[in-house]
Amino acid sequence: MNTSPITDEDERLIADARAILAKYYKPGKHHVGAVIRTKAGQIFTAVHLEANVGRVAVCAEAIALGKAISEGESMFDTIVAVRRPAEAASHAEIAIVSPCGICRELLSDYGADMRVIFVEGGEVKKCGVLDLLPGKYTRGAEDTPTLTAES
């Protein structure tokens, strides 16, 4: 996986994600926050929406992306998500988390060259979203193998 160093601008993005979650954290409702930076430098923040039925919960990354798109943005630079620990560990730091598989698909659909800040082995890293999603599903005919009688 190709990773790149975390910049001061990335550190500010991480701080913004922690700040939005600290501001709007609500047990059982909002325990993940995300921030997306556009290529033009615009920042969009969000918290996730928990639901009693898990399938209808909406990830913070998806909401941040949707906010940016609804404001006319379409070129995305970097995204980061953070999660507050469970109540039992509320003294712990709000930590960076990797996007879930669904978010990886969504982010790559709208910004295949977007960078993602994540943690691996206790180290903060940044890579392209497609590095987190090898073998991405596409609808393109060029990705569909041609079957022959010999296949």
N, C-alpha and C. Protein backbone atom coordinates (compact mmCIF):
# COMPACT_ATOMS: atom_id res chain seq x y z
N MET A 1 0.84 -1.18 0.00
CA MET A 1 0.00 0.00 0.00
C MET A 1 0.89 1.24 0.00
N ASN A 2 0.57 2.17 -0.88
CA ASN A 2 1.30 3.42 -0.93
C ASN A 2 0.72 4.40 0.07
N THR A 3 1.53 4.81 1.03
CA THR A 3 1.07 5.80 2.00
C THR A 3 1.90 7.06 1.85
N SER A 4 1.34 8.16 2.32
CA SER A 4 2.06 9.43 2.28
C SER A 4 2.06 10.03 3.68
N PRO A 5 2.99 10.93 3.95
CA PRO A 5 3.08 11.51 5.29
C PRO A 5 1.87 12.39 5.63
N ILE A 6 1.59 12.45 6.91
CA ILE A 6 0.54 13.33 7.43
C ILE A 6 1.12 14.75 7.49
N THR A 7 0.41 15.69 6.90
CA THR A 7 0.87 17.08 6.85
C THR A 7 0.23 17.90 7.98
N ASP A 8 0.68 19.12 8.15
CA ASP A 8 0.05 20.03 9.12
C ASP A 8 -1.41 20.25 8.76
N GLU A 9 -1.71 20.34 7.48
CA GLU A 9 -3.09 20.49 7.02
C GLU A 9 -3.94 19.27 7.42
N ASP A 10 -3.35 18.08 7.33
CA ASP A 10 -4.03 16.86 7.77
C ASP A 10 -4.26 16.87 9.27
N GLU A 11 -3.27 17.34 10.01
CA GLU A 11 -3.42 17.42 11.48
C GLU A 11 -4.59 18.34 11.85
N ARG A 12 -4.77 19.43 11.09
CA ARG A 12 -5.91 20.33 11.33
C ARG A 12 -7.22 19.62 11.00
N LEU A 13 -7.22 18.81 9.96
CA LEU A 13 -8.41 18.04 9.60
C LEU A 13 -8.79 17.07 10.72
N ILE A 14 -7.79 16.41 11.27
CA ILE A 14 -8.02 15.48 12.39
C ILE A 14 -8.56 16.25 13.59
N ALA A 15 -7.99 17.40 13.89
CA ALA A 15 -8.46 18.22 15.01
C ALA A 15 -9.90 18.67 14.78
N ASP A 16 -10.24 19.03 13.54
CA ASP A 16 -11.62 19.43 13.22
C ASP A 16 -12.59 18.27 13.43
N ALA A 17 -12.17 17.07 13.05
CA ALA A 17 -13.02 15.89 13.23
C ALA A 17 -13.25 15.62 14.72
N ARG A 18 -12.20 15.72 15.50
CA ARG A 18 -12.35 15.52 16.95
C ARG A 18 -13.26 16.59 17.56
N ALA A 19 -13.12 17.82 17.07
CA ALA A 19 -13.91 18.93 17.61
C ALA A 19 -15.39 18.77 17.29
N ILE A 20 -15.73 18.36 16.06
CA ILE A 20 -17.14 18.21 15.71
C ILE A 20 -17.78 17.09 16.52
N LEU A 21 -17.02 16.01 16.74
CA LEU A 21 -17.57 14.91 17.53
C LEU A 21 -17.69 15.31 19.00
N ALA A 22 -16.71 15.99 19.54
CA ALA A 22 -16.79 16.43 20.93
C ALA A 22 -17.98 17.37 21.13
N LYS A 23 -18.24 18.20 20.16
CA LYS A 23 -19.34 19.17 20.26
C LYS A 23 -20.70 18.48 20.19
N TYR A 24 -20.85 17.51 19.30
CA TYR A 24 -22.17 16.92 19.06
C TYR A 24 -22.34 15.49 19.54
N TYR A 25 -21.35 14.95 20.25
CA TYR A 25 -21.46 13.57 20.75
C TYR A 25 -22.73 13.42 21.58
N LYS A 26 -23.43 12.34 21.33
CA LYS A 26 -24.63 12.02 22.10
C LYS A 26 -24.69 10.49 22.20
N PRO A 27 -24.66 9.95 23.41
CA PRO A 27 -24.66 8.49 23.56
C PRO A 27 -25.82 7.85 22.79
N GLY A 28 -25.50 6.81 22.03
CA GLY A 28 -26.51 6.09 21.29
C GLY A 28 -26.99 6.80 20.03
N LYS A 29 -26.48 7.99 19.76
CA LYS A 29 -26.91 8.75 18.58
C LYS A 29 -25.75 9.13 17.67
N HIS A 30 -24.72 9.74 18.25
CA HIS A 30 -23.59 10.24 17.44
C HIS A 30 -22.28 9.91 18.15
N HIS A 31 -21.56 8.90 17.67
CA HIS A 31 -20.26 8.57 18.27
C HIS A 31 -19.13 8.55 17.24
N VAL A 32 -19.45 8.92 15.99
CA VAL A 32 -18.42 9.04 14.95
C VAL A 32 -18.57 10.40 14.29
N GLY A 33 -17.44 11.05 14.05
CA GLY A 33 -17.42 12.32 13.34
C GLY A 33 -16.49 12.20 12.15
N ALA A 34 -16.75 13.00 11.11
CA ALA A 34 -15.90 12.99 9.93
C ALA A 34 -15.73 14.39 9.38
N VAL A 35 -14.62 14.59 8.70
CA VAL A 35 -14.35 15.86 8.02
C VAL A 35 -13.76 15.52 6.66
N ILE A 36 -14.29 16.20 5.64
CA ILE A 36 -13.76 16.05 4.29
C ILE A 36 -13.26 17.40 3.82
N ARG A 37 -12.10 17.38 3.17
CA ARG A 37 -11.52 18.60 2.61
C ARG A 37 -11.57 18.47 1.08
N THR A 38 -12.08 19.50 0.43
CA THR A 38 -12.12 19.49 -1.03
C THR A 38 -10.78 19.93 -1.58
N LYS A 39 -10.59 19.75 -2.85
CA LYS A 39 -9.34 20.19 -3.49
C LYS A 39 -9.21 21.71 -3.44
N ALA A 40 -10.35 22.41 -3.34
CA ALA A 40 -10.33 23.88 -3.23
C ALA A 40 -10.09 24.34 -1.80
N GLY A 41 -10.00 23.38 -0.85
CA GLY A 41 -9.72 23.72 0.54
C GLY A 41 -10.94 23.91 1.41
N GLN A 42 -12.15 23.70 0.86
CA GLN A 42 -13.37 23.78 1.66
C GLN A 42 -13.41 22.60 2.63
N ILE A 43 -13.96 22.85 3.82
CA ILE A 43 -14.07 21.81 4.85
C ILE A 43 -15.54 21.56 5.14
N PHE A 44 -15.92 20.29 5.19
CA PHE A 44 -17.28 19.90 5.54
C PHE A 44 -17.21 18.86 6.66
N THR A 45 -17.99 19.09 7.70
CA THR A 45 -17.97 18.22 8.88
C THR A 45 -19.31 17.52 9.03
N ALA A 46 -19.29 16.41 9.77
CA ALA A 46 -20.53 15.68 10.01
C ALA A 46 -20.35 14.73 11.19
N VAL A 47 -21.46 14.33 11.77
CA VAL A 47 -21.49 13.23 12.73
C VAL A 47 -22.39 12.15 12.14
N HIS A 48 -22.19 10.93 12.56
CA HIS A 48 -23.01 9.85 12.03
C HIS A 48 -24.38 9.86 12.72
N LEU A 49 -25.32 9.20 12.11
CA LEU A 49 -26.67 9.08 12.66
C LEU A 49 -26.92 7.63 13.02
N GLU A 50 -26.95 7.35 14.30
CA GLU A 50 -27.25 5.99 14.77
C GLU A 50 -28.75 5.79 14.69
N ALA A 51 -29.18 4.55 14.57
CA ALA A 51 -30.59 4.23 14.50
C ALA A 51 -30.87 2.97 15.29
N ASN A 52 -32.11 2.82 15.73
CA ASN A 52 -32.50 1.61 16.45
C ASN A 52 -32.37 0.39 15.56
N VAL A 53 -32.60 0.56 14.27
CA VAL A 53 -32.40 -0.50 13.29
C VAL A 53 -31.08 -0.19 12.59
N GLY A 54 -30.07 -1.00 12.85
CA GLY A 54 -28.72 -0.72 12.37
C GLY A 54 -28.59 -0.45 10.89
N ARG A 55 -29.39 -1.09 10.06
CA ARG A 55 -29.27 -0.90 8.62
C ARG A 55 -29.59 0.50 8.17
N VAL A 56 -30.31 1.27 8.97
CA VAL A 56 -30.66 2.62 8.54
C VAL A 56 -29.72 3.67 9.13
N ALA A 57 -28.75 3.25 9.93
CA ALA A 57 -27.75 4.19 10.42
C ALA A 57 -26.97 4.75 9.23
N VAL A 58 -26.52 5.99 9.34
CA VAL A 58 -25.78 6.63 8.26
C VAL A 58 -24.43 7.07 8.79
N CYS A 59 -23.37 6.67 8.11
CA CYS A 59 -22.00 6.98 8.53
C CYS A 59 -21.68 8.46 8.37
N ALA A 60 -20.82 8.95 9.23
CA ALA A 60 -20.41 10.35 9.20
C ALA A 60 -19.72 10.70 7.88
N GLU A 61 -18.94 9.78 7.34
CA GLU A 61 -18.25 10.04 6.08
C GLU A 61 -19.26 10.30 4.96
N ALA A 62 -20.33 9.50 4.92
CA ALA A 62 -21.36 9.68 3.89
C ALA A 62 -22.07 11.02 4.04
N ILE A 63 -22.32 11.42 5.28
CA ILE A 63 -22.99 12.70 5.50
C ILE A 63 -22.08 13.86 5.11
N ALA A 64 -20.81 13.79 5.48
CA ALA A 64 -19.87 14.85 5.11
C ALA A 64 -19.76 14.95 3.59
N LEU A 65 -19.67 13.82 2.92
CA LEU A 65 -19.60 13.80 1.46
C LEU A 65 -20.87 14.41 0.87
N GLY A 66 -22.02 14.03 1.39
CA GLY A 66 -23.29 14.56 0.90
C GLY A 66 -23.41 16.06 1.11
N LYS A 67 -22.94 16.54 2.26
CA LYS A 67 -22.96 17.99 2.51
C LYS A 67 -22.11 18.72 1.47
N ALA A 68 -20.94 18.19 1.19
CA ALA A 68 -20.06 18.83 0.21
C ALA A 68 -20.69 18.83 -1.17
N ILE A 69 -21.24 17.71 -1.57
CA ILE A 69 -21.86 17.60 -2.89
C ILE A 69 -23.06 18.54 -2.99
N SER A 70 -23.86 18.63 -1.92
CA SER A 70 -25.04 19.49 -1.95
C SER A 70 -24.68 20.98 -2.00
N GLU A 71 -23.42 21.29 -1.72
CA GLU A 71 -22.93 22.67 -1.83
C GLU A 71 -22.17 22.89 -3.14
N GLY A 72 -22.25 21.91 -4.04
CA GLY A 72 -21.66 22.07 -5.37
C GLY A 72 -20.25 21.56 -5.52
N GLU A 73 -19.69 20.94 -4.49
CA GLU A 73 -18.32 20.43 -4.58
C GLU A 73 -18.31 19.06 -5.25
N SER A 74 -17.25 18.80 -6.00
CA SER A 74 -17.13 17.50 -6.64
C SER A 74 -15.69 16.99 -6.70
N MET A 75 -14.76 17.79 -6.22
CA MET A 75 -13.35 17.40 -6.24
C MET A 75 -12.88 17.29 -4.79
N PHE A 76 -12.55 16.09 -4.36
CA PHE A 76 -12.24 15.84 -2.96
C PHE A 76 -10.78 15.47 -2.75
N ASP A 77 -10.21 16.04 -1.71
CA ASP A 77 -8.80 15.83 -1.41
C ASP A 77 -8.62 14.75 -0.35
N THR A 78 -9.11 14.98 0.86
CA THR A 78 -8.81 14.09 1.99
C THR A 78 -10.01 14.00 2.92
N ILE A 79 -10.19 12.83 3.53
CA ILE A 79 -11.24 12.62 4.52
C ILE A 79 -10.65 11.89 5.72
N VAL A 80 -11.22 12.18 6.89
CA VAL A 80 -10.84 11.46 8.10
C VAL A 80 -12.08 11.28 8.96
N ALA A 81 -12.14 10.16 9.65
CA ALA A 81 -13.22 9.87 10.59
C ALA A 81 -12.61 9.55 11.95
N VAL A 82 -13.34 9.94 12.99
CA VAL A 82 -12.90 9.65 14.36
C VAL A 82 -14.07 9.06 15.13
N ARG A 83 -13.75 8.31 16.18
CA ARG A 83 -14.78 7.67 16.99
C ARG A 83 -14.50 7.90 18.46
N ARG A 84 -15.55 8.18 19.19
CA ARG A 84 -15.42 8.31 20.64
C ARG A 84 -15.54 6.92 21.24
N PRO A 85 -14.69 6.62 22.20
CA PRO A 85 -14.76 5.30 22.85
C PRO A 85 -16.07 5.13 23.61
N ALA A 86 -16.37 3.90 23.96
CA ALA A 86 -17.58 3.59 24.72
C ALA A 86 -17.57 4.36 26.04
N GLU A 87 -18.74 4.52 26.61
CA GLU A 87 -18.90 5.27 27.85
C GLU A 87 -17.93 4.81 28.95
N ALA A 88 -17.71 3.51 29.01
CA ALA A 88 -16.81 2.98 30.04
C ALA A 88 -15.40 3.53 29.90
N ALA A 89 -15.06 3.92 28.68
CA ALA A 89 -13.72 4.44 28.43
C ALA A 89 -13.78 5.90 28.00
N SER A 90 -14.72 6.65 28.55
CA SER A 90 -14.93 8.02 28.10
C SER A 90 -13.73 8.93 28.35
N HIS A 91 -12.82 8.49 29.22
CA HIS A 91 -11.62 9.29 29.47
C HIS A 91 -10.60 9.14 28.33
N ALA A 92 -10.81 8.14 27.47
CA ALA A 92 -9.87 7.89 26.38
C ALA A 92 -10.04 8.94 25.28
N GLU A 93 -9.02 9.10 24.49
CA GLU A 93 -9.00 10.08 23.42
C GLU A 93 -9.92 9.65 22.27
N ILE A 94 -10.54 10.64 21.64
CA ILE A 94 -11.29 10.40 20.41
C ILE A 94 -10.27 9.97 19.36
N ALA A 95 -10.47 8.78 18.81
CA ALA A 95 -9.44 8.17 17.97
C ALA A 95 -9.84 8.11 16.50
N ILE A 96 -8.85 8.18 15.63
CA ILE A 96 -9.06 8.04 14.19
C ILE A 96 -9.47 6.60 13.90
N VAL A 97 -10.43 6.43 12.99
CA VAL A 97 -10.86 5.10 12.57
C VAL A 97 -10.85 5.03 11.04
N SER A 98 -10.71 3.83 10.54
CA SER A 98 -10.77 3.61 9.10
C SER A 98 -12.23 3.60 8.66
N PRO A 99 -12.51 4.02 7.43
CA PRO A 99 -13.88 3.95 6.94
C PRO A 99 -14.32 2.50 6.77
N CYS A 100 -15.61 2.25 6.98
CA CYS A 100 -16.15 0.91 6.79
C CYS A 100 -16.14 0.58 5.30
N GLY A 101 -16.43 -0.65 4.97
CA GLY A 101 -16.43 -1.07 3.57
C GLY A 101 -17.41 -0.31 2.71
N ILE A 102 -18.60 -0.05 3.24
CA ILE A 102 -19.60 0.70 2.48
C ILE A 102 -19.09 2.11 2.19
N CYS A 103 -18.49 2.75 3.18
CA CYS A 103 -17.95 4.10 2.96
C CYS A 103 -16.80 4.08 1.97
N ARG A 104 -15.97 3.05 2.02
CA ARG A 104 -14.88 2.95 1.05
C ARG A 104 -15.43 2.92 -0.37
N GLU A 105 -16.48 2.14 -0.57
CA GLU A 105 -17.13 2.08 -1.89
C GLU A 105 -17.69 3.45 -2.27
N LEU A 106 -18.43 4.07 -1.37
CA LEU A 106 -19.06 5.36 -1.65
C LEU A 106 -18.03 6.44 -1.94
N LEU A 107 -17.02 6.53 -1.09
CA LEU A 107 -15.99 7.55 -1.27
C LEU A 107 -15.27 7.36 -2.61
N SER A 108 -14.97 6.12 -2.95
CA SER A 108 -14.27 5.88 -4.21
C SER A 108 -15.16 6.15 -5.42
N ASP A 109 -16.47 6.01 -5.28
CA ASP A 109 -17.38 6.34 -6.37
C ASP A 109 -17.38 7.84 -6.66
N TYR A 110 -17.21 8.65 -5.64
CA TYR A 110 -17.28 10.10 -5.80
C TYR A 110 -15.92 10.79 -5.82
N GLY A 111 -14.88 10.07 -5.50
CA GLY A 111 -13.54 10.65 -5.50
C GLY A 111 -12.47 9.59 -5.53
N ALA A 112 -12.30 8.96 -6.67
CA ALA A 112 -11.35 7.85 -6.79
C ALA A 112 -9.92 8.24 -6.44
N ASP A 113 -9.61 9.54 -6.51
CA ASP A 113 -8.26 9.98 -6.15
C ASP A 113 -8.20 10.60 -4.76
N MET A 114 -9.30 10.48 -4.00
CA MET A 114 -9.35 11.01 -2.64
C MET A 114 -8.36 10.27 -1.74
N ARG A 115 -7.81 10.97 -0.77
CA ARG A 115 -6.92 10.39 0.22
C ARG A 115 -7.71 10.15 1.51
N VAL A 116 -7.34 9.12 2.25
CA VAL A 116 -8.01 8.75 3.50
C VAL A 116 -6.96 8.68 4.60
N ILE A 117 -7.26 9.35 5.71
CA ILE A 117 -6.40 9.25 6.90
C ILE A 117 -6.95 8.13 7.76
N PHE A 118 -6.09 7.22 8.19
CA PHE A 118 -6.52 6.07 8.98
C PHE A 118 -5.39 5.66 9.92
N VAL A 119 -5.67 4.69 10.75
CA VAL A 119 -4.65 4.18 11.67
C VAL A 119 -4.43 2.70 11.38
N GLU A 120 -3.16 2.33 11.30
CA GLU A 120 -2.80 0.93 11.11
C GLU A 120 -1.61 0.63 12.00
N GLY A 121 -1.76 -0.38 12.83
CA GLY A 121 -0.67 -0.74 13.74
C GLY A 121 -0.29 0.38 14.68
N GLY A 122 -1.26 1.20 15.07
CA GLY A 122 -1.00 2.30 15.98
C GLY A 122 -0.38 3.53 15.33
N GLU A 123 -0.19 3.49 14.01
CA GLU A 123 0.43 4.60 13.29
C GLU A 123 -0.59 5.29 12.38
N VAL A 124 -0.63 6.62 12.45
CA VAL A 124 -1.52 7.39 11.58
C VAL A 124 -0.91 7.42 10.18
N LYS A 125 -1.73 7.05 9.19
CA LYS A 125 -1.27 6.97 7.81
C LYS A 125 -2.28 7.66 6.90
N LYS A 126 -1.86 7.89 5.67
CA LYS A 126 -2.75 8.45 4.65
C LYS A 126 -2.47 7.72 3.34
N CYS A 127 -3.55 7.31 2.67
CA CYS A 127 -3.40 6.63 1.39
C CYS A 127 -4.58 6.97 0.51
N GLY A 128 -4.51 6.55 -0.73
CA GLY A 128 -5.63 6.72 -1.64
C GLY A 128 -6.76 5.79 -1.26
N VAL A 129 -7.99 6.23 -1.45
CA VAL A 129 -9.14 5.42 -1.07
C VAL A 129 -9.12 4.07 -1.81
N LEU A 130 -8.65 4.05 -3.03
CA LEU A 130 -8.61 2.78 -3.76
C LEU A 130 -7.59 1.81 -3.20
N ASP A 131 -6.59 2.32 -2.46
CA ASP A 131 -5.65 1.43 -1.78
C ASP A 131 -6.35 0.64 -0.67
N LEU A 132 -7.44 1.21 -0.14
CA LEU A 132 -8.21 0.53 0.90
C LEU A 132 -9.30 -0.37 0.31
N LEU A 133 -9.39 -0.38 -1.01
CA LEU A 133 -10.48 -1.10 -1.67
C LEU A 133 -9.98 -1.83 -2.92
N PRO A 134 -9.11 -2.80 -2.75
CA PRO A 134 -8.60 -3.51 -3.93
C PRO A 134 -9.73 -4.28 -4.62
N GLY A 135 -9.67 -4.32 -5.92
CA GLY A 135 -10.67 -5.07 -6.68
C GLY A 135 -12.04 -4.43 -6.63
N LYS A 136 -12.09 -3.11 -6.61
CA LYS A 136 -13.35 -2.38 -6.50
C LYS A 136 -14.36 -2.83 -7.56
N TYR A 137 -15.59 -2.96 -7.15
CA TYR A 137 -16.69 -3.27 -8.06
C TYR A 137 -16.97 -2.06 -8.94
N THR A 138 -17.14 -2.28 -10.22
CA THR A 138 -17.57 -1.22 -11.13
C THR A 138 -18.65 -1.79 -12.04
N ARG A 139 -19.37 -0.91 -12.68
CA ARG A 139 -20.42 -1.33 -13.62
C ARG A 139 -19.90 -1.35 -15.05
N GLY A 140 -18.66 -0.99 -15.24
CA GLY A 140 -18.10 -0.86 -16.59
C GLY A 140 -17.95 -2.19 -17.30
N ALA A 141 -18.27 -2.20 -18.57
CA ALA A 141 -18.14 -3.41 -19.38
C ALA A 141 -16.68 -3.85 -19.50
N GLU A 142 -15.75 -2.87 -19.38
CA GLU A 142 -14.34 -3.21 -19.52
C GLU A 142 -13.86 -4.12 -18.38
N ASP A 143 -14.62 -4.18 -17.29
CA ASP A 143 -14.23 -5.02 -16.16
C ASP A 143 -14.89 -6.39 -16.20
N THR A 144 -15.77 -6.62 -17.18
CA THR A 144 -16.49 -7.87 -17.28
C THR A 144 -15.79 -8.80 -18.25
N PRO A 145 -15.35 -9.97 -17.78
CA PRO A 145 -14.64 -10.87 -18.68
C PRO A 145 -15.59 -11.42 -19.74
N THR A 146 -15.06 -11.66 -20.89
CA THR A 146 -15.84 -12.24 -21.99
C THR A 146 -15.77 -13.75 -21.84
N LEU A 147 -16.91 -14.40 -21.81
CA LEU A 147 -16.95 -15.85 -21.70
C LEU A 147 -16.95 -16.46 -23.09
N THR A 148 -16.15 -17.45 -23.25
CA THR A 148 -16.09 -18.16 -24.52
C THR A 148 -16.46 -19.62 -24.28
N ALA A 149 -16.59 -20.37 -25.36
CA ALA A 149 -16.94 -21.78 -25.23
C ALA A 149 -15.87 -22.53 -24.42
N GLU A 150 -14.62 -22.06 -24.49
CA GLU A 150 -13.54 -22.71 -23.75
C GLU A 150 -13.56 -22.36 -22.26
N SER A 151 -14.28 -21.30 -21.86
CA SER A 151 -14.27 -20.83 -20.47
C SER A 151 -14.96 -21.76 -19.54
